Structures are given as structure tokens and as C-alpha cells.
Amino acid sequence: MKKNIYSVLRGTFLISDDSFKNWRLIMFLSALAVIMIASSHSADRKVYEIASLKEEVKELRSAFVEGRKQLMELKKESSIIRKLTGNGLAPSEVPPKKIKVKSHK
């Protein structure tokens, strides 16, 4: 056990005759570390993208609500009357009459 620890500390396990299996393990662990780091960066990038999309959704929802509010304001009778008085049109002062049609059957 003590010999193995000294071998690792001095680095002789990398240059010995049976070092090929040690190099394979080191390369495998290095590849796993690179994959893990890349995966972590990809996850972080997705988190930032999700956050920016949520902000965009909030802005678009706000614009939608503002547009709907303006539409409701334009649909009001008082708003329509105010806009049409500039063209010389005004609401009728005589109330409408109901027309009754009698069939001759």
C-alpha cells in the first residue's frame, strides 16, 4: 500500500512497463471530465436562454394587454362619437322606431 502511494506521488506509475493500463484509465477519466464540463456549460446556456425567453414573454404579454386596453377604449360609444364628430356625423336625437311586419297568410 505504501509502495503504491509513493509510486503515485513520484509519477513512476506512468513510466513503468505496465503503465499502458494506467494511461488508458487517465485518458478515460479525462474524457469523462471534458464531457461533464461541456454538459454543465450546455445546461447553463439553456438556463440563460430560458430566462431571456421568460422576459420576452412578459414583455409580449404586457404589449398584448396594452393593445387590448386600447381596443376596448376605441370600442366605447363615447370614443366613437368623439371621433366621428370631427367628420360631421353625430348620433341621432330621435330614438329608433320598431318596424313590425305582418304576414298575410
PDB file of N, CA and C in Angstrom:
ATOM      1  N   MET A   1       0.831  -1.191   0.000  1.00  0.00           N
ATOM      2  CA  MET A   1       0.000   0.000   0.000  1.00  0.00           C
ATOM      3  C   MET A   1       0.870   1.248   0.000  1.00  0.00           C
ATOM      4  N   LYS A   2       1.906   1.237   0.854  1.00  0.00           N
ATOM      5  CA  LYS A   2       2.810   2.376   0.955  1.00  0.00           C
ATOM      6  C   LYS A   2       3.577   2.563  -0.343  1.00  0.00           C
ATOM      7  N   LYS A   3       3.918   1.445  -0.981  1.00  0.00           N
ATOM      8  CA  LYS A   3       4.657   1.500  -2.246  1.00  0.00           C
ATOM      9  C   LYS A   3       3.797   2.127  -3.349  1.00  0.00           C
ATOM     10  N   ASN A   4       2.506   1.808  -3.373  1.00  0.00           N
ATOM     11  CA  ASN A   4       1.596   2.367  -4.381  1.00  0.00           C
ATOM     12  C   ASN A   4       1.434   3.874  -4.207  1.00  0.00           C
ATOM     13  N   ILE A   5       1.376   4.330  -2.981  1.00  0.00           N
ATOM     14  CA  ILE A   5       1.231   5.766  -2.725  1.00  0.00           C
ATOM     15  C   ILE A   5       2.486   6.506  -3.187  1.00  0.00           C
ATOM     16  N   TYR A   6       3.665   5.955  -2.882  1.00  0.00           N
ATOM     17  CA  TYR A   6       4.912   6.582  -3.347  1.00  0.00           C
ATOM     18  C   TYR A   6       4.999   6.560  -4.870  1.00  0.00           C
ATOM     19  N   SER A   7       4.498   5.502  -5.483  1.00  0.00           N
ATOM     20  CA  SER A   7       4.505   5.395  -6.946  1.00  0.00           C
ATOM     21  C   SER A   7       3.647   6.492  -7.572  1.00  0.00           C
ATOM     22  N   VAL A   8       2.509   6.761  -6.976  1.00  0.00           N
ATOM     23  CA  VAL A   8       1.614   7.810  -7.486  1.00  0.00           C
ATOM     24  C   VAL A   8       2.234   9.181  -7.259  1.00  0.00           C
ATOM     25  N   LEU A   9       2.805   9.407  -6.079  1.00  0.00           N
ATOM     26  CA  LEU A   9       3.388  10.715  -5.779  1.00  0.00           C
ATOM     27  C   LEU A   9       4.611  11.018  -6.643  1.00  0.00           C
ATOM     28  N   ARG A  10       5.421  10.047  -6.923  1.00  0.00           N
ATOM     29  CA  ARG A  10       6.624  10.257  -7.739  1.00  0.00           C
ATOM     30  C   ARG A  10       6.326  10.196  -9.237  1.00  0.00           C
ATOM     31  N   GLY A  11       5.216   9.615  -9.620  1.00  0.00           N
ATOM     32  CA  GLY A  11       4.853   9.525 -11.029  1.00  0.00           C
ATOM     33  C   GLY A  11       5.468   8.342 -11.729  1.00  0.00           C
ATOM     34  N   THR A  12       6.031   7.416 -11.007  1.00  0.00           N
ATOM     35  CA  THR A  12       6.652   6.241 -11.638  1.00  0.00           C
ATOM     36  C   THR A  12       5.618   5.292 -12.223  1.00  0.00           C
ATOM     37  N   PHE A  13       4.377   5.401 -11.785  1.00  0.00           N
ATOM     38  CA  PHE A  13       3.337   4.519 -12.330  1.00  0.00           C
ATOM     39  C   PHE A  13       3.027   4.885 -13.784  1.00  0.00           C
ATOM     40  N   LEU A  14       3.445   6.070 -14.232  1.00  0.00           N
ATOM     41  CA  LEU A  14       3.200   6.482 -15.613  1.00  0.00           C
ATOM     42  C   LEU A  14       4.296   6.016 -16.571  1.00  0.00           C
ATOM     43  N   ILE A  15       5.477   5.696 -16.041  1.00  0.00           N
ATOM     44  CA  ILE A  15       6.578   5.317 -16.920  1.00  0.00           C
ATOM     45  C   ILE A  15       7.027   3.870 -16.740  1.00  0.00           C
ATOM     46  N   SER A  16       6.336   3.141 -15.920  1.00  0.00           N
ATOM     47  CA  SER A  16       6.715   1.737 -15.705  1.00  0.00           C
ATOM     48  C   SER A  16       6.301   0.891 -16.905  1.00  0.00           C
ATOM     49  N   ASP A  17       6.653  -0.381 -16.895  1.00  0.00           N
ATOM     50  CA  ASP A  17       6.385  -1.282 -18.016  1.00  0.00           C
ATOM     51  C   ASP A  17       4.888  -1.531 -18.219  1.00  0.00           C
ATOM     52  N   ASP A  18       4.130  -1.590 -17.158  1.00  0.00           N
ATOM     53  CA  ASP A  18       2.687  -1.837 -17.281  1.00  0.00           C
ATOM     54  C   ASP A  18       1.884  -0.530 -17.164  1.00  0.00           C
ATOM     55  N   SER A  19       2.463   0.546 -17.615  1.00  0.00           N
ATOM     56  CA  SER A  19       1.812   1.855 -17.486  1.00  0.00           C
ATOM     57  C   SER A  19       0.696   2.084 -18.505  1.00  0.00           C
ATOM     58  N   PHE A  20       0.612   1.223 -19.535  1.00  0.00           N
ATOM     59  CA  PHE A  20      -0.423   1.413 -20.562  1.00  0.00           C
ATOM     60  C   PHE A  20      -1.820   1.394 -19.953  1.00  0.00           C
ATOM     61  N   LYS A  21      -2.095   0.487 -19.037  1.00  0.00           N
ATOM     62  CA  LYS A  21      -3.417   0.436 -18.396  1.00  0.00           C
ATOM     63  C   LYS A  21      -3.658   1.692 -17.549  1.00  0.00           C
ATOM     64  N   ASN A  22      -2.618   2.232 -16.943  1.00  0.00           N
ATOM     65  CA  ASN A  22      -2.767   3.466 -16.177  1.00  0.00           C
ATOM     66  C   ASN A  22      -3.089   4.648 -17.094  1.00  0.00           C
ATOM     67  N   TRP A  23      -2.403   4.706 -18.238  1.00  0.00           N
ATOM     68  CA  TRP A  23      -2.663   5.796 -19.190  1.00  0.00           C
ATOM     69  C   TRP A  23      -4.086   5.699 -19.740  1.00  0.00           C
ATOM     70  N   ARG A  24      -4.551   4.483 -20.021  1.00  0.00           N
ATOM     71  CA  ARG A  24      -5.929   4.325 -20.506  1.00  0.00           C
ATOM     72  C   ARG A  24      -6.923   4.838 -19.484  1.00  0.00           C
ATOM     73  N   LEU A  25      -6.706   4.525 -18.219  1.00  0.00           N
ATOM     74  CA  LEU A  25      -7.604   4.992 -17.167  1.00  0.00           C
ATOM     75  C   LEU A  25      -7.562   6.522 -17.055  1.00  0.00           C
ATOM     76  N   ILE A  26      -6.369   7.085 -17.118  1.00  0.00           N
ATOM     77  CA  ILE A  26      -6.236   8.544 -17.036  1.00  0.00           C
ATOM     78  C   ILE A  26      -6.931   9.213 -18.216  1.00  0.00           C
ATOM     79  N   MET A  27      -6.747   8.665 -19.420  1.00  0.00           N
ATOM     80  CA  MET A  27      -7.401   9.237 -20.600  1.00  0.00           C
ATOM     81  C   MET A  27      -8.929   9.110 -20.499  1.00  0.00           C
ATOM     82  N   PHE A  28      -9.395   7.962 -20.015  1.00  0.00           N
ATOM     83  CA  PHE A  28     -10.829   7.765 -19.848  1.00  0.00           C
ATOM     84  C   PHE A  28     -11.414   8.765 -18.855  1.00  0.00           C
ATOM     85  N   LEU A  29     -10.746   8.939 -17.731  1.00  0.00           N
ATOM     86  CA  LEU A  29     -11.227   9.892 -16.726  1.00  0.00           C
ATOM     87  C   LEU A  29     -11.164  11.329 -17.248  1.00  0.00           C
ATOM     88  N   SER A  30     -10.140  11.644 -18.032  1.00  0.00           N
ATOM     89  CA  SER A  30     -10.048  12.985 -18.629  1.00  0.00           C
ATOM     90  C   SER A  30     -11.185  13.224 -19.611  1.00  0.00           C
ATOM     91  N   ALA A  31     -11.493  12.219 -20.421  1.00  0.00           N
ATOM     92  CA  ALA A  31     -12.601  12.352 -21.380  1.00  0.00           C
ATOM     93  C   ALA A  31     -13.927  12.538 -20.636  1.00  0.00           C
ATOM     94  N   LEU A  32     -14.117  11.789 -19.564  1.00  0.00           N
ATOM     95  CA  LEU A  32     -15.342  11.958 -18.776  1.00  0.00           C
ATOM     96  C   LEU A  32     -15.427  13.348 -18.171  1.00  0.00           C
ATOM     97  N   ALA A  33     -14.287  13.876 -17.710  1.00  0.00           N
ATOM     98  CA  ALA A  33     -14.281  15.225 -17.142  1.00  0.00           C
ATOM     99  C   ALA A  33     -14.642  16.265 -18.193  1.00  0.00           C
ATOM    100  N   VAL A  34     -14.099  16.114 -19.419  1.00  0.00           N
ATOM    101  CA  VAL A  34     -14.414  17.056 -20.503  1.00  0.00           C
ATOM    102  C   VAL A  34     -15.894  16.987 -20.849  1.00  0.00           C
ATOM    103  N   ILE A  35     -16.441  15.782 -20.916  1.00  0.00           N
ATOM    104  CA  ILE A  35     -17.868  15.624 -21.226  1.00  0.00           C
ATOM    105  C   ILE A  35     -18.724  16.253 -20.128  1.00  0.00           C
ATOM    106  N   MET A  36     -18.337  16.054 -18.885  1.00  0.00           N
ATOM    107  CA  MET A  36     -19.092  16.622 -17.767  1.00  0.00           C
ATOM    108  C   MET A  36     -19.057  18.153 -17.796  1.00  0.00           C
ATOM    109  N   ILE A  37     -17.907  18.732 -18.089  1.00  0.00           N
ATOM    110  CA  ILE A  37     -17.784  20.194 -18.166  1.00  0.00           C
ATOM    111  C   ILE A  37     -18.612  20.734 -19.320  1.00  0.00           C
ATOM    112  N   ALA A  38     -18.564  20.066 -20.476  1.00  0.00           N
ATOM    113  CA  ALA A  38     -19.352  20.505 -21.624  1.00  0.00           C
ATOM    114  C   ALA A  38     -20.846  20.430 -21.321  1.00  0.00           C
ATOM    115  N   SER A  39     -21.256  19.368 -20.638  1.00  0.00           N
ATOM    116  CA  SER A  39     -22.664  19.218 -20.274  1.00  0.00           C
ATOM    117  C   SER A  39     -23.103  20.319 -19.321  1.00  0.00           C
ATOM    118  N   SER A  40     -22.249  20.657 -18.390  1.00  0.00           N
ATOM    119  CA  SER A  40     -22.563  21.727 -17.439  1.00  0.00           C
ATOM    120  C   SER A  40     -22.706  23.068 -18.146  1.00  0.00           C
ATOM    121  N   HIS A  41     -21.789  23.350 -19.085  1.00  0.00           N
ATOM    122  CA  HIS A  41     -21.879  24.611 -19.840  1.00  0.00           C
ATOM    123  C   HIS A  41     -23.143  24.652 -20.691  1.00  0.00           C
ATOM    124  N   SER A  42     -23.501  23.527 -21.272  1.00  0.00           N
ATOM    125  CA  SER A  42     -24.719  23.462 -22.082  1.00  0.00           C
ATOM    126  C   SER A  42     -25.953  23.717 -21.218  1.00  0.00           C
ATOM    127  N   ALA A  43     -25.978  23.145 -20.035  1.00  0.00           N
ATOM    128  CA  ALA A  43     -27.115  23.354 -19.129  1.00  0.00           C
ATOM    129  C   ALA A  43     -27.196  24.823 -18.701  1.00  0.00           C
ATOM    130  N   ASP A  44     -26.066  25.444 -18.407  1.00  0.00           N
ATOM    131  CA  ASP A  44     -26.059  26.861 -18.028  1.00  0.00           C
ATOM    132  C   ASP A  44     -26.560  27.731 -19.175  1.00  0.00           C
ATOM    133  N   ARG A  45     -26.127  27.422 -20.398  1.00  0.00           N
ATOM    134  CA  ARG A  45     -26.568  28.183 -21.560  1.00  0.00           C
ATOM    135  C   ARG A  45     -28.087  28.087 -21.720  1.00  0.00           C
ATOM    136  N   LYS A  46     -28.635  26.902 -21.495  1.00  0.00           N
ATOM    137  CA  LYS A  46     -30.081  26.712 -21.613  1.00  0.00           C
ATOM    138  C   LYS A  46     -30.828  27.476 -20.520  1.00  0.00           C
ATOM    139  N   VAL A  47     -30.253  27.514 -19.323  1.00  0.00           N
ATOM    140  CA  VAL A  47     -30.891  28.263 -18.229  1.00  0.00           C
ATOM    141  C   VAL A  47     -30.961  29.747 -18.580  1.00  0.00           C
ATOM    142  N   TYR A  48     -29.865  30.301 -19.119  1.00  0.00           N
ATOM    143  CA  TYR A  48     -29.872  31.708 -19.510  1.00  0.00           C
ATOM    144  C   TYR A  48     -30.857  31.962 -20.649  1.00  0.00           C
ATOM    145  N   GLU A  49     -30.943  31.026 -21.592  1.00  0.00           N
ATOM    146  CA  GLU A  49     -31.884  31.183 -22.702  1.00  0.00           C
ATOM    147  C   GLU A  49     -33.330  31.148 -22.199  1.00  0.00           C
ATOM    148  N   ILE A  50     -33.618  30.271 -21.269  1.00  0.00           N
ATOM    149  CA  ILE A  50     -34.967  30.186 -20.692  1.00  0.00           C
ATOM    150  C   ILE A  50     -35.307  31.478 -19.966  1.00  0.00           C
ATOM    151  N   ALA A  51     -34.345  32.028 -19.225  1.00  0.00           N
ATOM    152  CA  ALA A  51     -34.587  33.277 -18.500  1.00  0.00           C
ATOM    153  C   ALA A  51     -34.865  34.419 -19.479  1.00  0.00           C
ATOM    154  N   SER A  52     -34.114  34.489 -20.572  1.00  0.00           N
ATOM    155  CA  SER A  52     -34.351  35.569 -21.534  1.00  0.00           C
ATOM    156  C   SER A  52     -35.692  35.386 -22.243  1.00  0.00           C
ATOM    157  N   LEU A  53     -36.075  34.140 -22.521  1.00  0.00           N
ATOM    158  CA  LEU A  53     -37.379  33.893 -23.143  1.00  0.00           C
ATOM    159  C   LEU A  53     -38.523  34.249 -22.200  1.00  0.00           C
ATOM    160  N   LYS A  54     -38.336  34.004 -20.901  1.00  0.00           N
ATOM    161  CA  LYS A  54     -39.375  34.385 -19.940  1.00  0.00           C
ATOM    162  C   LYS A  54     -39.541  35.903 -19.907  1.00  0.00           C
ATOM    163  N   GLU A  55     -38.427  36.631 -19.979  1.00  0.00           N
ATOM    164  CA  GLU A  55     -38.515  38.094 -20.014  1.00  0.00           C
ATOM    165  C   GLU A  55     -39.232  38.558 -21.277  1.00  0.00           C
ATOM    166  N   GLU A  56     -38.939  37.916 -22.402  1.00  0.00           N
ATOM    167  CA  GLU A  56     -39.599  38.283 -23.655  1.00  0.00           C
ATOM    168  C   GLU A  56     -41.096  37.994 -23.579  1.00  0.00           C
ATOM    169  N   VAL A  57     -41.474  36.879 -22.953  1.00  0.00           N
ATOM    170  CA  VAL A  57     -42.891  36.549 -22.793  1.00  0.00           C
ATOM    171  C   VAL A  57     -43.586  37.609 -21.939  1.00  0.00           C
ATOM    172  N   LYS A  58     -42.920  38.063 -20.878  1.00  0.00           N
ATOM    173  CA  LYS A  58     -43.506  39.104 -20.034  1.00  0.00           C
ATOM    174  C   LYS A  58     -43.723  40.388 -20.830  1.00  0.00           C
ATOM    175  N   GLU A  59     -42.731  40.762 -21.656  1.00  0.00           N
ATOM    176  CA  GLU A  59     -42.862  41.976 -22.458  1.00  0.00           C
ATOM    177  C   GLU A  59     -43.993  41.834 -23.468  1.00  0.00           C
ATOM    178  N   LEU A  60     -44.076  40.679 -24.138  1.00  0.00           N
ATOM    179  CA  LEU A  60     -45.128  40.475 -25.136  1.00  0.00           C
ATOM    180  C   LEU A  60     -46.509  40.433 -24.482  1.00  0.00           C
ATOM    181  N   ARG A  61     -46.607  39.829 -23.313  1.00  0.00           N
ATOM    182  CA  ARG A  61     -47.887  39.798 -22.606  1.00  0.00           C
ATOM    183  C   ARG A  61     -48.316  41.211 -22.213  1.00  0.00           C
ATOM    184  N   SER A  62     -47.357  42.009 -21.782  1.00  0.00           N
ATOM    185  CA  SER A  62     -47.642  43.393 -21.424  1.00  0.00           C
ATOM    186  C   SER A  62     -48.121  44.176 -22.644  1.00  0.00           C
ATOM    187  N   ALA A  63     -47.451  43.969 -23.785  1.00  0.00           N
ATOM    188  CA  ALA A  63     -47.870  44.645 -25.016  1.00  0.00           C
ATOM    189  C   ALA A  63     -49.269  44.191 -25.428  1.00  0.00           C
ATOM    190  N   PHE A  64     -49.579  42.901 -25.262  1.00  0.00           N
ATOM    191  CA  PHE A  64     -50.900  42.390 -25.601  1.00  0.00           C
ATOM    192  C   PHE A  64     -51.974  43.033 -24.732  1.00  0.00           C
ATOM    193  N   VAL A  65     -51.710  43.110 -23.427  1.00  0.00           N
ATOM    194  CA  VAL A  65     -52.686  43.705 -22.515  1.00  0.00           C
ATOM    195  C   VAL A  65     -52.891  45.174 -22.856  1.00  0.00           C
ATOM    196  N   GLU A  66     -51.805  45.876 -23.176  1.00  0.00           N
ATOM    197  CA  GLU A  66     -51.913  47.292 -23.553  1.00  0.00           C
ATOM    198  C   GLU A  66     -52.725  47.446 -24.832  1.00  0.00           C
ATOM    199  N   GLY A  67     -52.494  46.593 -25.815  1.00  0.00           N
ATOM    200  CA  GLY A  67     -53.258  46.643 -27.063  1.00  0.00           C
ATOM    201  C   GLY A  67     -54.730  46.346 -26.839  1.00  0.00           C
ATOM    202  N   ARG A  68     -55.016  45.352 -25.980  1.00  0.00           N
ATOM    203  CA  ARG A  68     -56.410  45.021 -25.685  1.00  0.00           C
ATOM    204  C   ARG A  68     -57.098  46.177 -24.972  1.00  0.00           C
ATOM    205  N   LYS A  69     -56.366  46.852 -24.080  1.00  0.00           N
ATOM    206  CA  LYS A  69     -56.936  48.003 -23.373  1.00  0.00           C
ATOM    207  C   LYS A  69     -57.267  49.131 -24.362  1.00  0.00           C
ATOM    208  N   GLN A  70     -56.362  49.374 -25.301  1.00  0.00           N
ATOM    209  CA  GLN A  70     -56.610  50.419 -26.301  1.00  0.00           C
ATOM    210  C   GLN A  70     -57.797  50.052 -27.182  1.00  0.00           C
ATOM    211  N   LEU A  71     -57.914  48.770 -27.553  1.00  0.00           N
ATOM    212  CA  LEU A  71     -59.050  48.332 -28.367  1.00  0.00           C
ATOM    213  C   LEU A  71     -60.366  48.528 -27.624  1.00  0.00           C
ATOM    214  N   MET A  72     -60.402  48.175 -26.345  1.00  0.00           N
ATOM    215  CA  MET A  72     -61.624  48.367 -25.565  1.00  0.00           C
ATOM    216  C   MET A  72     -61.988  49.847 -25.487  1.00  0.00           C
ATOM    217  N   GLU A  73     -60.975  50.696 -25.352  1.00  0.00           N
ATOM    218  CA  GLU A  73     -61.216  52.138 -25.301  1.00  0.00           C
ATOM    219  C   GLU A  73     -61.782  52.628 -26.636  1.00  0.00           C
ATOM    220  N   LEU A  74     -61.265  52.109 -27.747  1.00  0.00           N
ATOM    221  CA  LEU A  74     -61.748  52.533 -29.070  1.00  0.00           C
ATOM    222  C   LEU A  74     -63.162  52.027 -29.353  1.00  0.00           C
ATOM    223  N   LYS A  75     -63.553  50.911 -28.740  1.00  0.00           N
ATOM    224  CA  LYS A  75     -64.878  50.353 -28.993  1.00  0.00           C
ATOM    225  C   LYS A  75     -65.981  51.029 -28.197  1.00  0.00           C
ATOM    226  N   LYS A  76     -65.629  51.865 -27.242  1.00  0.00           N
ATOM    227  CA  LYS A  76     -66.650  52.544 -26.445  1.00  0.00           C
ATOM    228  C   LYS A  76     -67.426  53.528 -27.306  1.00  0.00           C
ATOM    229  N   GLU A  77     -68.714  53.645 -26.991  1.00  0.00           N
ATOM    230  CA  GLU A  77     -69.579  54.537 -27.772  1.00  0.00           C
ATOM    231  C   GLU A  77     -69.119  55.983 -27.659  1.00  0.00           C
ATOM    232  N   SER A  78     -68.698  56.410 -26.493  1.00  0.00           N
ATOM    233  CA  SER A  78     -68.262  57.794 -26.319  1.00  0.00           C
ATOM    234  C   SER A  78     -67.022  58.080 -27.169  1.00  0.00           C
ATOM    235  N   SER A  79     -66.141  57.120 -27.277  1.00  0.00           N
ATOM    236  CA  SER A  79     -64.938  57.282 -28.096  1.00  0.00           C
ATOM    237  C   SER A  79     -65.299  57.377 -29.572  1.00  0.00           C
ATOM    238  N   ILE A  80     -66.239  56.543 -30.002  1.00  0.00           N
ATOM    239  CA  ILE A  80     -66.662  56.573 -31.412  1.00  0.00           C
ATOM    240  C   ILE A  80     -67.334  57.901 -31.732  1.00  0.00           C
ATOM    241  N   ILE A  81     -68.204  58.370 -30.852  1.00  0.00           N
ATOM    242  CA  ILE A  81     -68.881  59.654 -31.069  1.00  0.00           C
ATOM    243  C   ILE A  81     -67.859  60.783 -31.152  1.00  0.00           C
ATOM    244  N   ARG A  82     -66.886  60.774 -30.277  1.00  0.00           N
ATOM    245  CA  ARG A  82     -65.865  61.821 -30.262  1.00  0.00           C
ATOM    246  C   ARG A  82     -65.075  61.835 -31.578  1.00  0.00           C
ATOM    247  N   LYS A  83     -64.769  60.672 -32.118  1.00  0.00           N
ATOM    248  CA  LYS A  83     -64.013  60.614 -33.367  1.00  0.00           C
ATOM    249  C   LYS A  83     -64.862  61.011 -34.579  1.00  0.00           C
ATOM    250  N   LEU A  84     -66.152  60.647 -34.563  1.00  0.00           N
ATOM    251  CA  LEU A  84     -67.000  60.924 -35.725  1.00  0.00           C
ATOM    252  C   LEU A  84     -67.529  62.349 -35.755  1.00  0.00           C
ATOM    253  N   THR A  85     -67.533  63.062 -34.644  1.00  0.00           N
ATOM    254  CA  THR A  85     -67.995  64.453 -34.673  1.00  0.00           C
ATOM    255  C   THR A  85     -67.054  65.321 -35.514  1.00  0.00           C
ATOM    256  N   GLY A  86     -65.809  64.940 -35.630  1.00  0.00           N
ATOM    257  CA  GLY A  86     -64.871  65.667 -36.494  1.00  0.00           C
ATOM    258  C   GLY A  86     -65.243  65.532 -37.961  1.00  0.00           C
ATOM    259  N   ASN A  87     -65.917  64.462 -38.347  1.00  0.00           N
ATOM    260  CA  ASN A  87     -66.343  64.250 -39.732  1.00  0.00           C
ATOM    261  C   ASN A  87     -67.741  64.802 -39.998  1.00  0.00           C
ATOM    262  N   GLY A  88     -68.348  65.400 -39.015  1.00  0.00           N
ATOM    263  CA  GLY A  88     -69.682  65.963 -39.192  1.00  0.00           C
ATOM    264  C   GLY A  88     -70.792  64.980 -38.886  1.00  0.00           C
ATOM    265  N   LEU A  89     -70.502  63.844 -38.364  1.00  0.00           N
ATOM    266  CA  LEU A  89     -71.522  62.868 -38.004  1.00  0.00           C
ATOM    267  C   LEU A  89     -71.821  62.985 -36.519  1.00  0.00           C
ATOM    268  N   ALA A  90     -73.085  62.777 -36.164  1.00  0.00           N
ATOM    269  CA  ALA A  90     -73.489  62.856 -34.764  1.00  0.00           C
ATOM    270  C   ALA A  90     -74.545  61.786 -34.519  1.00  0.00           C
ATOM    271  N   PRO A  91     -74.719  61.385 -33.294  1.00  0.00           N
ATOM    272  CA  PRO A  91     -75.754  60.395 -33.013  1.00  0.00           C
ATOM    273  C   PRO A  91     -77.147  61.001 -33.197  1.00  0.00           C
ATOM    274  N   SER A  92     -78.066  60.159 -33.562  1.00  0.00           N
ATOM    275  CA  SER A  92     -79.438  60.615 -33.791  1.00  0.00           C
ATOM    276  C   SER A  92     -80.077  61.005 -32.468  1.00  0.00           C
ATOM    277  N   GLU A  93     -80.845  62.107 -32.505  1.00  0.00           N
ATOM    278  CA  GLU A  93     -81.535  62.548 -31.297  1.00  0.00           C
ATOM    279  C   GLU A  93     -82.928  61.946 -31.212  1.00  0.00           C
ATOM    280  N   VAL A  94     -83.412  61.393 -32.325  1.00  0.00           N
ATOM    281  CA  VAL A  94     -84.722  60.741 -32.358  1.00  0.00           C
ATOM    282  C   VAL A  94     -84.480  59.244 -32.125  1.00  0.00           C
ATOM    283  N   PRO A  95     -85.147  58.673 -31.139  1.00  0.00           N
ATOM    284  CA  PRO A  95     -84.916  57.250 -30.882  1.00  0.00           C
ATOM    285  C   PRO A  95     -85.418  56.402 -32.054  1.00  0.00           C
ATOM    286  N   PRO A  96     -84.868  55.258 -32.260  1.00  0.00           N
ATOM    287  CA  PRO A  96     -85.307  54.407 -33.362  1.00  0.00           C
ATOM    288  C   PRO A  96     -86.709  53.858 -33.091  1.00  0.00           C
ATOM    289  N   LYS A  97     -87.420  53.563 -34.196  1.00  0.00           N
ATOM    290  CA  LYS A  97     -88.764  53.002 -34.089  1.00  0.00           C
ATOM    291  C   LYS A  97     -88.722  51.551 -34.504  1.00  0.00           C
ATOM    292  N   LYS A  98     -89.567  50.786 -33.860  1.00  0.00           N
ATOM    293  CA  LYS A  98     -89.626  49.375 -34.164  1.00  0.00           C
ATOM    294  C   LYS A  98     -90.549  49.154 -35.357  1.00  0.00           C
ATOM    295  N   ILE A  99     -90.093  48.394 -36.332  1.00  0.00           N
ATOM    296  CA  ILE A  99     -90.910  48.116 -37.503  1.00  0.00           C
ATOM    297  C   ILE A  99     -91.490  46.723 -37.347  1.00  0.00           C
ATOM    298  N   LYS A 100     -92.817  46.641 -37.472  1.00  0.00           N
ATOM    299  CA  LYS A 100     -93.478  45.352 -37.355  1.00  0.00           C
ATOM    300  C   LYS A 100     -94.001  44.965 -38.741  1.00  0.00           C
ATOM    301  N   VAL A 101     -93.698  43.779 -39.146  1.00  0.00           N
ATOM    302  CA  VAL A 101     -94.164  43.282 -40.445  1.00  0.00           C
ATOM    303  C   VAL A 101     -95.206  42.212 -40.183  1.00  0.00           C
ATOM    304  N   LYS A 102     -96.369  42.410 -40.800  1.00  0.00           N
ATOM    305  CA  LYS A 102     -97.438  41.446 -40.627  1.00  0.00           C
ATOM    306  C   LYS A 102     -97.507  40.587 -41.891  1.00  0.00           C
ATOM    307  N   SER A 103     -97.587  39.307 -41.705  1.00  0.00           N
ATOM    308  CA  SER A 103     -97.717  38.440 -42.885  1.00  0.00           C
ATOM    309  C   SER A 103     -99.201  38.248 -43.187  1.00  0.00           C
ATOM    310  N   HIS A 104     -99.516  38.055 -44.451  1.00  0.00           N
ATOM    311  CA  HIS A 104    -100.915  37.957 -44.893  1.00  0.00           C
ATOM    312  C   HIS A 104    -101.403  36.530 -45.013  1.00  0.00           C
ATOM    313  N   LYS A 105    -100.824  35.597 -44.410  1.00  0.00           N
ATOM    314  CA  LYS A 105    -101.245  34.193 -44.513  1.00  0.00           C
ATOM    315  C   LYS A 105    -102.346  33.857 -43.561  1.00  0.00           C
TER     316      LYS A 105
END
